[in-house]
C-alpha atoms as a PDB file:
ATOM      1  CA  UNK A   1      37.736 -65.441-141.988  1.00  0.00           C
ATOM      2  CA  UNK A   2      37.088 -64.658-145.605  1.00  0.00           C
ATOM      3  CA  UNK A   3      38.845 -61.374-146.241  1.00  0.00           C
ATOM      4  CA  UNK A   4      41.203 -58.712-144.908  1.00  0.00           C
ATOM      5  CA  UNK A   5      40.039 -55.524-146.616  1.00  0.00           C
ATOM      6  CA  UNK A   6      36.782 -53.713-147.330  1.00  0.00           C
ATOM      7  CA  UNK A   7      35.637 -56.369-149.898  1.00  0.00           C
ATOM      8  CA  UNK A   8      34.893 -60.117-149.579  1.00  0.00           C
ATOM      9  CA  UNK A   9      33.885 -62.805-151.974  1.00  0.00           C
ATOM     10  CA  UNK A  10      30.379 -63.862-151.076  1.00  0.00           C
ATOM     11  CA  UNK A  11      30.987 -67.437-152.306  1.00  0.00           C
ATOM     12  CA  UNK A  12      33.796 -67.755-149.709  1.00  0.00           C
ATOM     13  CA  UNK A  13      31.344 -66.423-147.034  1.00  0.00           C
ATOM     14  CA  UNK A  14      28.870 -69.094-148.066  1.00  0.00           C
ATOM     15  CA  UNK A  15      31.587 -71.757-147.864  1.00  0.00           C
ATOM     16  CA  UNK A  16      32.521 -70.496-144.386  1.00  0.00           C
ATOM     17  CA  UNK A  17      28.928 -70.667-143.243  1.00  0.00           C
ATOM     18  CA  UNK A  18      28.675 -74.284-144.448  1.00  0.00           C
ATOM     19  CA  UNK A  19      31.742 -75.050-142.289  1.00  0.00           C
ATOM     20  CA  UNK A  20      30.186 -73.222-139.312  1.00  0.00           C
ATOM     21  CA  UNK A  21      26.933 -75.228-139.732  1.00  0.00           C
ATOM     22  CA  UNK A  22      28.908 -78.361-139.695  1.00  0.00           C
ATOM     23  CA  UNK A  23      30.402 -77.284-136.392  1.00  0.00           C
ATOM     24  CA  UNK A  24      26.908 -76.850-134.993  1.00  0.00           C
ATOM     25  CA  UNK A  25      26.316 -73.113-135.625  1.00  0.00           C
ATOM     26  CA  UNK A  26      22.669 -72.130-135.508  1.00  0.00           C
ATOM     27  CA  UNK A  27      22.924 -68.685-137.118  1.00  0.00           C
ATOM     28  CA  UNK A  28      25.462 -66.760-139.156  1.00  0.00           C
ATOM     29  CA  UNK A  29      25.897 -62.958-139.495  1.00  0.00           C
ATOM     30  CA  UNK A  30      26.671 -61.688-142.966  1.00  0.00           C
ATOM     31  CA  UNK A  31      27.436 -57.954-142.791  1.00  0.00           C
ATOM     32  CA  UNK A  32      28.271 -57.793-146.499  1.00  0.00           C
ATOM     33  CA  UNK A  33      26.346 -57.071-149.669  1.00  0.00           C
ATOM     34  CA  UNK A  34      26.500 -56.578-153.375  1.00  0.00           C
ATOM     35  CA  UNK A  35      26.053 -52.905-154.046  1.00  0.00           C
ATOM     36  CA  UNK A  36      23.755 -52.206-157.002  1.00  0.00           C
ATOM     37  CA  UNK A  37      25.410 -50.027-159.595  1.00  0.00           C
ATOM     38  CA  UNK A  38      24.061 -46.684-160.794  1.00  0.00           C
ATOM     39  CA  UNK A  39      22.692 -48.244-164.082  1.00  0.00           C
ATOM     40  CA  UNK A  40      20.646 -50.835-162.230  1.00  0.00           C
ATOM     41  CA  UNK A  41      19.400 -48.146-159.811  1.00  0.00           C
ATOM     42  CA  UNK A  42      18.472 -45.687-162.534  1.00  0.00           C
ATOM     43  CA  UNK A  43      14.827 -44.592-162.643  1.00  0.00           C
ATOM     44  CA  UNK A  44      14.708 -45.624-166.330  1.00  0.00           C
ATOM     45  CA  UNK A  45      15.628 -49.184-165.375  1.00  0.00           C
ATOM     46  CA  UNK A  46      13.610 -49.593-162.072  1.00  0.00           C
ATOM     47  CA  UNK A  47       9.867 -49.356-162.499  1.00  0.00           C
ATOM     48  CA  UNK A  48       7.461 -49.198-159.588  1.00  0.00           C
ATOM     49  CA  UNK A  49       4.397 -51.333-160.130  1.00  0.00           C
ATOM     50  CA  UNK A  50       0.911 -50.493-159.095  1.00  0.00           C
ATOM     51  CA  UNK A  51       1.172 -52.489-155.854  1.00  0.00           C
ATOM     52  CA  UNK A  52       4.323 -50.720-154.722  1.00  0.00           C
ATOM     53  CA  UNK A  53       6.824 -53.430-155.722  1.00  0.00           C
ATOM     54  CA  UNK A  54       9.318 -52.987-158.466  1.00  0.00           C
ATOM     55  CA  UNK A  55      10.569 -54.608-161.641  1.00  0.00           C
ATOM     56  CA  UNK A  56      13.871 -54.090-163.356  1.00  0.00           C
ATOM     57  CA  UNK A  57      14.071 -53.505-167.103  1.00  0.00           C
ATOM     58  CA  UNK A  58      17.946 -53.431-167.044  1.00  0.00           C
ATOM     59  CA  UNK A  59      18.822 -55.235-170.255  1.00  0.00           C
ATOM     60  CA  UNK A  60      21.639 -57.174-168.506  1.00  0.00           C
ATOM     61  CA  UNK A  61      19.363 -58.968-166.228  1.00  0.00           C
ATOM     62  CA  UNK A  62      15.978 -60.759-166.408  1.00  0.00           C
ATOM     63  CA  UNK A  63      14.663 -61.642-162.965  1.00  0.00           C
ATOM     64  CA  UNK A  64      11.698 -63.483-164.434  1.00  0.00           C
ATOM     65  CA  UNK A  65      14.177 -65.810-166.053  1.00  0.00           C
ATOM     66  CA  UNK A  66      16.392 -66.211-162.988  1.00  0.00           C
ATOM     67  CA  UNK A  67      19.126 -63.876-164.221  1.00  0.00           C
ATOM     68  CA  UNK A  68      19.757 -61.761-161.075  1.00  0.00           C
ATOM     69  CA  UNK A  69      21.997 -58.894-160.489  1.00  0.00           C
ATOM     70  CA  UNK A  70      25.718 -59.729-161.026  1.00  0.00           C
ATOM     71  CA  UNK A  71      24.537 -63.135-162.165  1.00  0.00           C
ATOM     72  CA  UNK A  72      24.317 -64.241-158.620  1.00  0.00           C
ATOM     73  CA  UNK A  73      21.958 -67.006-157.630  1.00  0.00           C
ATOM     74  CA  UNK A  74      20.605 -68.346-154.266  1.00  0.00           C
ATOM     75  CA  UNK A  75      22.146 -71.675-154.891  1.00  0.00           C
ATOM     76  CA  UNK A  76      25.452 -71.053-153.000  1.00  0.00           C
ATOM     77  CA  UNK A  77      23.464 -70.288-149.808  1.00  0.00           C
ATOM     78  CA  UNK A  78      21.130 -73.272-150.131  1.00  0.00           C
ATOM     79  CA  UNK A  79      23.701 -75.684-148.761  1.00  0.00           C
ATOM     80  CA  UNK A  80      23.876 -73.472-145.655  1.00  0.00           C
ATOM     81  CA  UNK A  81      20.112 -73.290-145.014  1.00  0.00           C
ATOM     82  CA  UNK A  82      19.602 -76.903-145.945  1.00  0.00           C
ATOM     83  CA  UNK A  83      21.742 -77.641-142.852  1.00  0.00           C
ATOM     84  CA  UNK A  84      19.244 -75.701-140.754  1.00  0.00           C
ATOM     85  CA  UNK A  85      21.396 -72.591-140.299  1.00  0.00           C
ATOM     86  CA  UNK A  86      19.773 -69.142-140.323  1.00  0.00           C
ATOM     87  CA  UNK A  87      21.463 -66.475-142.396  1.00  0.00           C
ATOM     88  CA  UNK A  88      21.164 -62.839-141.187  1.00  0.00           C
ATOM     89  CA  UNK A  89      22.165 -60.386-143.875  1.00  0.00           C
ATOM     90  CA  UNK A  90      22.592 -56.612-143.703  1.00  0.00           C
ATOM     91  CA  UNK A  91      20.160 -54.828-146.100  1.00  0.00           C
ATOM     92  CA  UNK A  92      22.803 -52.510-147.603  1.00  0.00           C
ATOM     93  CA  UNK A  93      23.744 -48.859-147.155  1.00  0.00           C
ATOM     94  CA  UNK A  94      22.842 -47.187-150.448  1.00  0.00           C
ATOM     95  CA  UNK A  95      19.587 -45.616-149.243  1.00  0.00           C
ATOM     96  CA  UNK A  96      17.939 -47.723-152.042  1.00  0.00           C
ATOM     97  CA  UNK A  97      14.312 -48.796-152.002  1.00  0.00           C
ATOM     98  CA  UNK A  98      15.389 -52.460-152.584  1.00  0.00           C
ATOM     99  CA  UNK A  99      17.394 -54.607-150.151  1.00  0.00           C
ATOM    100  CA  UNK A 100      20.696 -55.839-151.474  1.00  0.00           C
ATOM    101  CA  UNK A 101      21.848 -59.317-152.411  1.00  0.00           C
ATOM    102  CA  UNK A 102      22.179 -61.985-151.020  1.00  0.00           C
ATOM    103  CA  UNK A 103      19.421 -61.222-148.497  1.00  0.00           C
ATOM    104  CA  UNK A 104      16.956 -60.652-151.402  1.00  0.00           C
ATOM    105  CA  UNK A 105      17.252 -64.399-152.189  1.00  0.00           C
ATOM    106  CA  UNK A 106      15.142 -65.096-149.089  1.00  0.00           C
ATOM    107  CA  UNK A 107      12.144 -64.624-151.350  1.00  0.00           C
ATOM    108  CA  UNK A 108      13.039 -66.812-154.312  1.00  0.00           C
ATOM    109  CA  UNK A 109      10.962 -70.007-154.823  1.00  0.00           C
ATOM    110  CA  UNK A 110      11.525 -73.211-156.823  1.00  0.00           C
ATOM    111  CA  UNK A 111       9.145 -74.500-159.533  1.00  0.00           C
ATOM    112  CA  UNK A 112       6.856 -75.905-156.866  1.00  0.00           C
ATOM    113  CA  UNK A 113       6.558 -72.573-155.054  1.00  0.00           C
ATOM    114  CA  UNK A 114       8.761 -73.539-152.073  1.00  0.00           C
ATOM    115  CA  UNK A 115      11.302 -71.165-150.740  1.00  0.00           C
ATOM    116  CA  UNK A 116      14.767 -72.298-152.040  1.00  0.00           C
ATOM    117  CA  UNK A 117      16.333 -71.013-148.754  1.00  0.00           C
ATOM    118  CA  UNK A 118      13.572 -72.515-146.620  1.00  0.00           C
ATOM    119  CA  UNK A 119      12.531 -69.252-144.840  1.00  0.00           C
ATOM    120  CA  UNK A 120      15.798 -69.253-142.936  1.00  0.00           C
ATOM    121  CA  UNK A 121      16.929 -65.760-143.878  1.00  0.00           C
ATOM    122  CA  UNK A 122      16.609 -62.356-142.098  1.00  0.00           C
ATOM    123  CA  UNK A 123      17.342 -59.077-143.809  1.00  0.00           C
ATOM    124  CA  UNK A 124      18.226 -56.215-141.436  1.00  0.00           C
ATOM    125  CA  UNK A 125      17.958 -52.579-142.178  1.00  0.00           C
ATOM    126  CA  UNK A 126      19.196 -49.694-139.923  1.00  0.00           C
ATOM    127  CA  UNK A 127      17.019 -47.612-137.642  1.00  0.00           C
ATOM    128  CA  UNK A 128      18.113 -44.308-136.034  1.00  0.00           C
ATOM    129  CA  UNK A 129      17.493 -45.003-132.255  1.00  0.00           C
ATOM    130  CA  UNK A 130      17.389 -41.286-131.598  1.00  0.00           C
ATOM    131  CA  UNK A 131      14.526 -40.440-133.998  1.00  0.00           C
ATOM    132  CA  UNK A 132      12.996 -43.851-134.110  1.00  0.00           C
ATOM    133  CA  UNK A 133      12.947 -43.722-137.900  1.00  0.00           C
ATOM    134  CA  UNK A 134      14.523 -45.628-140.752  1.00  0.00           C
ATOM    135  CA  UNK A 135      17.981 -44.342-141.411  1.00  0.00           C
ATOM    136  CA  UNK A 136      18.226 -42.487-144.705  1.00  0.00           C
ATOM    137  CA  UNK A 137      21.325 -44.608-145.763  1.00  0.00           C
ATOM    138  CA  UNK A 138      19.621 -47.919-145.075  1.00  0.00           C
ATOM    139  CA  UNK A 139      18.282 -49.978-147.980  1.00  0.00           C
ATOM    140  CA  UNK A 140      14.569 -50.469-147.527  1.00  0.00           C
ATOM    141  CA  UNK A 141      12.234 -53.405-147.811  1.00  0.00           C
ATOM    142  CA  UNK A 142      11.186 -52.858-151.423  1.00  0.00           C
ATOM    143  CA  UNK A 143      10.756 -56.000-153.419  1.00  0.00           C
ATOM    144  CA  UNK A 144      12.094 -56.635-156.899  1.00  0.00           C
ATOM    145  CA  UNK A 145       9.451 -58.751-158.575  1.00  0.00           C
ATOM    146  CA  UNK A 146      10.111 -61.965-160.515  1.00  0.00           C
ATOM    147  CA  UNK A 147       6.580 -62.686-161.707  1.00  0.00           C
ATOM    148  CA  UNK A 148       4.808 -59.580-162.925  1.00  0.00           C
ATOM    149  CA  UNK A 149       1.185 -60.008-164.122  1.00  0.00           C
ATOM    150  CA  UNK A 150      -0.994 -56.980-165.159  1.00  0.00           C
ATOM    151  CA  UNK A 151       1.484 -54.542-163.638  1.00  0.00           C
ATOM    152  CA  UNK A 152       1.278 -56.229-160.277  1.00  0.00           C
ATOM    153  CA  UNK A 153       3.680 -58.575-158.490  1.00  0.00           C
ATOM    154  CA  UNK A 154       2.547 -62.150-158.398  1.00  0.00           C
ATOM    155  CA  UNK A 155       5.460 -63.424-156.236  1.00  0.00           C
ATOM    156  CA  UNK A 156       4.408 -65.568-153.345  1.00  0.00           C
ATOM    157  CA  UNK A 157       6.897 -63.890-150.932  1.00  0.00           C
ATOM    158  CA  UNK A 158       8.202 -60.409-150.616  1.00  0.00           C
ATOM    159  CA  UNK A 159      11.295 -58.885-149.095  1.00  0.00           C
ATOM    160  CA  UNK A 160       9.125 -57.353-146.318  1.00  0.00           C
ATOM    161  CA  UNK A 161       8.304 -60.853-145.156  1.00  0.00           C
ATOM    162  CA  UNK A 162      11.937 -61.249-144.020  1.00  0.00           C
ATOM    163  CA  UNK A 163      12.913 -57.721-143.259  1.00  0.00           C
ATOM    164  CA  UNK A 164      13.471 -56.162-139.777  1.00  0.00           C
ATOM    165  CA  UNK A 165      15.203 -53.127-138.460  1.00  0.00           C
ATOM    166  CA  UNK A 166      17.823 -52.841-135.715  1.00  0.00           C
ATOM    167  CA  UNK A 167      20.096 -49.928-134.429  1.00  0.00           C
ATOM    168  CA  UNK A 168      22.389 -48.710-137.064  1.00  0.00           C
ATOM    169  CA  UNK A 169      24.498 -46.322-134.963  1.00  0.00           C
ATOM    170  CA  UNK A 170      26.486 -48.391-132.460  1.00  0.00           C
ATOM    171  CA  UNK A 171      29.603 -48.451-130.221  1.00  0.00           C
ATOM    172  CA  UNK A 172      31.240 -51.483-131.695  1.00  0.00           C
ATOM    173  CA  UNK A 173      34.393 -53.522-131.950  1.00  0.00           C
ATOM    174  CA  UNK A 174      36.697 -52.452-134.743  1.00  0.00           C
ATOM    175  CA  UNK A 175      39.040 -54.351-136.979  1.00  0.00           C
ATOM    176  CA  UNK A 176      42.093 -53.501-134.875  1.00  0.00           C
ATOM    177  CA  UNK A 177      40.484 -54.837-131.650  1.00  0.00           C
ATOM    178  CA  UNK A 178      39.531 -51.460-130.199  1.00  0.00           C
ATOM    179  CA  UNK A 179      36.167 -49.919-129.858  1.00  0.00           C
ATOM    180  CA  UNK A 180      34.516 -46.994-131.628  1.00  0.00           C
ATOM    181  CA  UNK A 181      31.332 -45.459-133.084  1.00  0.00           C
ATOM    182  CA  UNK A 182      30.344 -47.219-136.281  1.00  0.00           C
ATOM    183  CA  UNK A 183      27.376 -46.723-138.649  1.00  0.00           C
ATOM    184  CA  UNK A 184      25.598 -48.997-141.136  1.00  0.00           C
ATOM    185  CA  UNK A 185      23.379 -51.966-141.628  1.00  0.00           C
ATOM    186  CA  UNK A 186      26.461 -54.035-140.939  1.00  0.00           C
ATOM    187  CA  UNK A 187      26.179 -52.870-137.390  1.00  0.00           C
ATOM    188  CA  UNK A 188      22.431 -53.549-137.326  1.00  0.00           C
ATOM    189  CA  UNK A 189      22.464 -57.080-138.570  1.00  0.00           C
ATOM    190  CA  UNK A 190      24.428 -58.568-135.519  1.00  0.00           C
ATOM    191  CA  UNK A 191      21.625 -57.355-133.249  1.00  0.00           C
ATOM    192  CA  UNK A 192      19.214 -59.724-135.076  1.00  0.00           C
ATOM    193  CA  UNK A 193      21.912 -62.465-135.226  1.00  0.00           C
ATOM    194  CA  UNK A 194      22.307 -62.385-131.486  1.00  0.00           C
ATOM    195  CA  UNK A 195      18.552 -62.350-131.013  1.00  0.00           C
ATOM    196  CA  UNK A 196      18.236 -65.574-133.042  1.00  0.00           C
ATOM    197  CA  UNK A 197      20.966 -67.173-130.964  1.00  0.00           C
ATOM    198  CA  UNK A 198      19.248 -66.240-127.649  1.00  0.00           C
ATOM    199  CA  UNK A 199      15.837 -67.476-128.991  1.00  0.00           C
ATOM    200  CA  UNK A 200      17.537 -70.843-129.926  1.00  0.00           C
ATOM    201  CA  UNK A 201      18.920 -71.123-126.371  1.00  0.00           C
ATOM    202  CA  UNK A 202      15.404 -70.655-125.006  1.00  0.00           C
ATOM    203  CA  UNK A 203      13.808 -73.202-127.497  1.00  0.00           C
ATOM    204  CA  UNK A 204      16.631 -75.410-128.794  1.00  0.00           C
ATOM    205  CA  UNK A 205      14.350 -77.654-130.826  1.00  0.00           C
ATOM    206  CA  UNK A 206      12.802 -74.721-132.791  1.00  0.00           C
ATOM    207  CA  UNK A 207      13.721 -74.970-136.432  1.00  0.00           C
ATOM    208  CA  UNK A 208      15.500 -72.079-138.217  1.00  0.00           C
ATOM    209  CA  UNK A 209      12.526 -71.050-140.267  1.00  0.00           C
ATOM    210  CA  UNK A 210      10.414 -70.721-137.092  1.00  0.00           C
ATOM    211  CA  UNK A 211      13.013 -68.649-135.320  1.00  0.00           C
ATOM    212  CA  UNK A 212      12.918 -66.321-138.293  1.00  0.00           C
ATOM    213  CA  UNK A 213       9.136 -66.169-138.191  1.00  0.00           C
ATOM    214  CA  UNK A 214       9.189 -65.470-134.446  1.00  0.00           C
ATOM    215  CA  UNK A 215      11.488 -62.392-134.936  1.00  0.00           C
ATOM    216  CA  UNK A 216       9.495 -60.992-137.817  1.00  0.00           C
ATOM    217  CA  UNK A 217       6.072 -61.493-136.221  1.00  0.00           C
ATOM    218  CA  UNK A 218       7.010 -60.014-132.845  1.00  0.00           C
ATOM    219  CA  UNK A 219       9.037 -57.050-134.201  1.00  0.00           C
ATOM    220  CA  UNK A 220       7.710 -53.483-133.546  1.00  0.00           C
ATOM    221  CA  UNK A 221       5.819 -52.467-136.740  1.00  0.00           C
ATOM    222  CA  UNK A 222       5.488 -48.835-135.734  1.00  0.00           C
ATOM    223  CA  UNK A 223       8.763 -47.507-137.180  1.00  0.00           C
ATOM    224  CA  UNK A 224       8.726 -44.126-139.048  1.00  0.00           C
ATOM    225  CA  UNK A 225       9.546 -44.692-142.751  1.00  0.00           C
END
């Protein structure tokens, strides 16, 4: 447990995941994000490139230099994924074109082009099960580019490589131990977390990065929006 209210410290969540991995956990659900502020999301600061990806020109951050939003880094999650554990993160509920941190860090590579988090991350957006379409409040699979060359993104990996959708309207457990209708990518992410756990039960020797790949490659690609 890392918090009592509506907000949690993500570094505490990372520490909790390390503990869980040491107890043998295969996958962890993180239904929490950093919400991008209005300045960062402003059209003047977020430029869409010719290939459909984005770059930020917010003066506070320089993604090409590893200065990410809120000065976060993927480092606090590396200890988790180095232990083989899969992190499943909700995409965020701002209706924004770009998935929120820390799920975004699934795409970041080291100087040798290797994924820092080893491909052991899933980002989960919310789908409306009634319409079969992406929910309007769900953050999307847009990618914020690190390496921009000739107005195109030269990143080796994109958010869409790690992004799936799951039902975002659910009848769920609540904080007080009762049940009720709840909405958000926080409700969608546990579907994917449970899926990874079941896949691990079926193939206990399959590594975390391959469990992630199995989920993304077998997911239904025909979702509206």
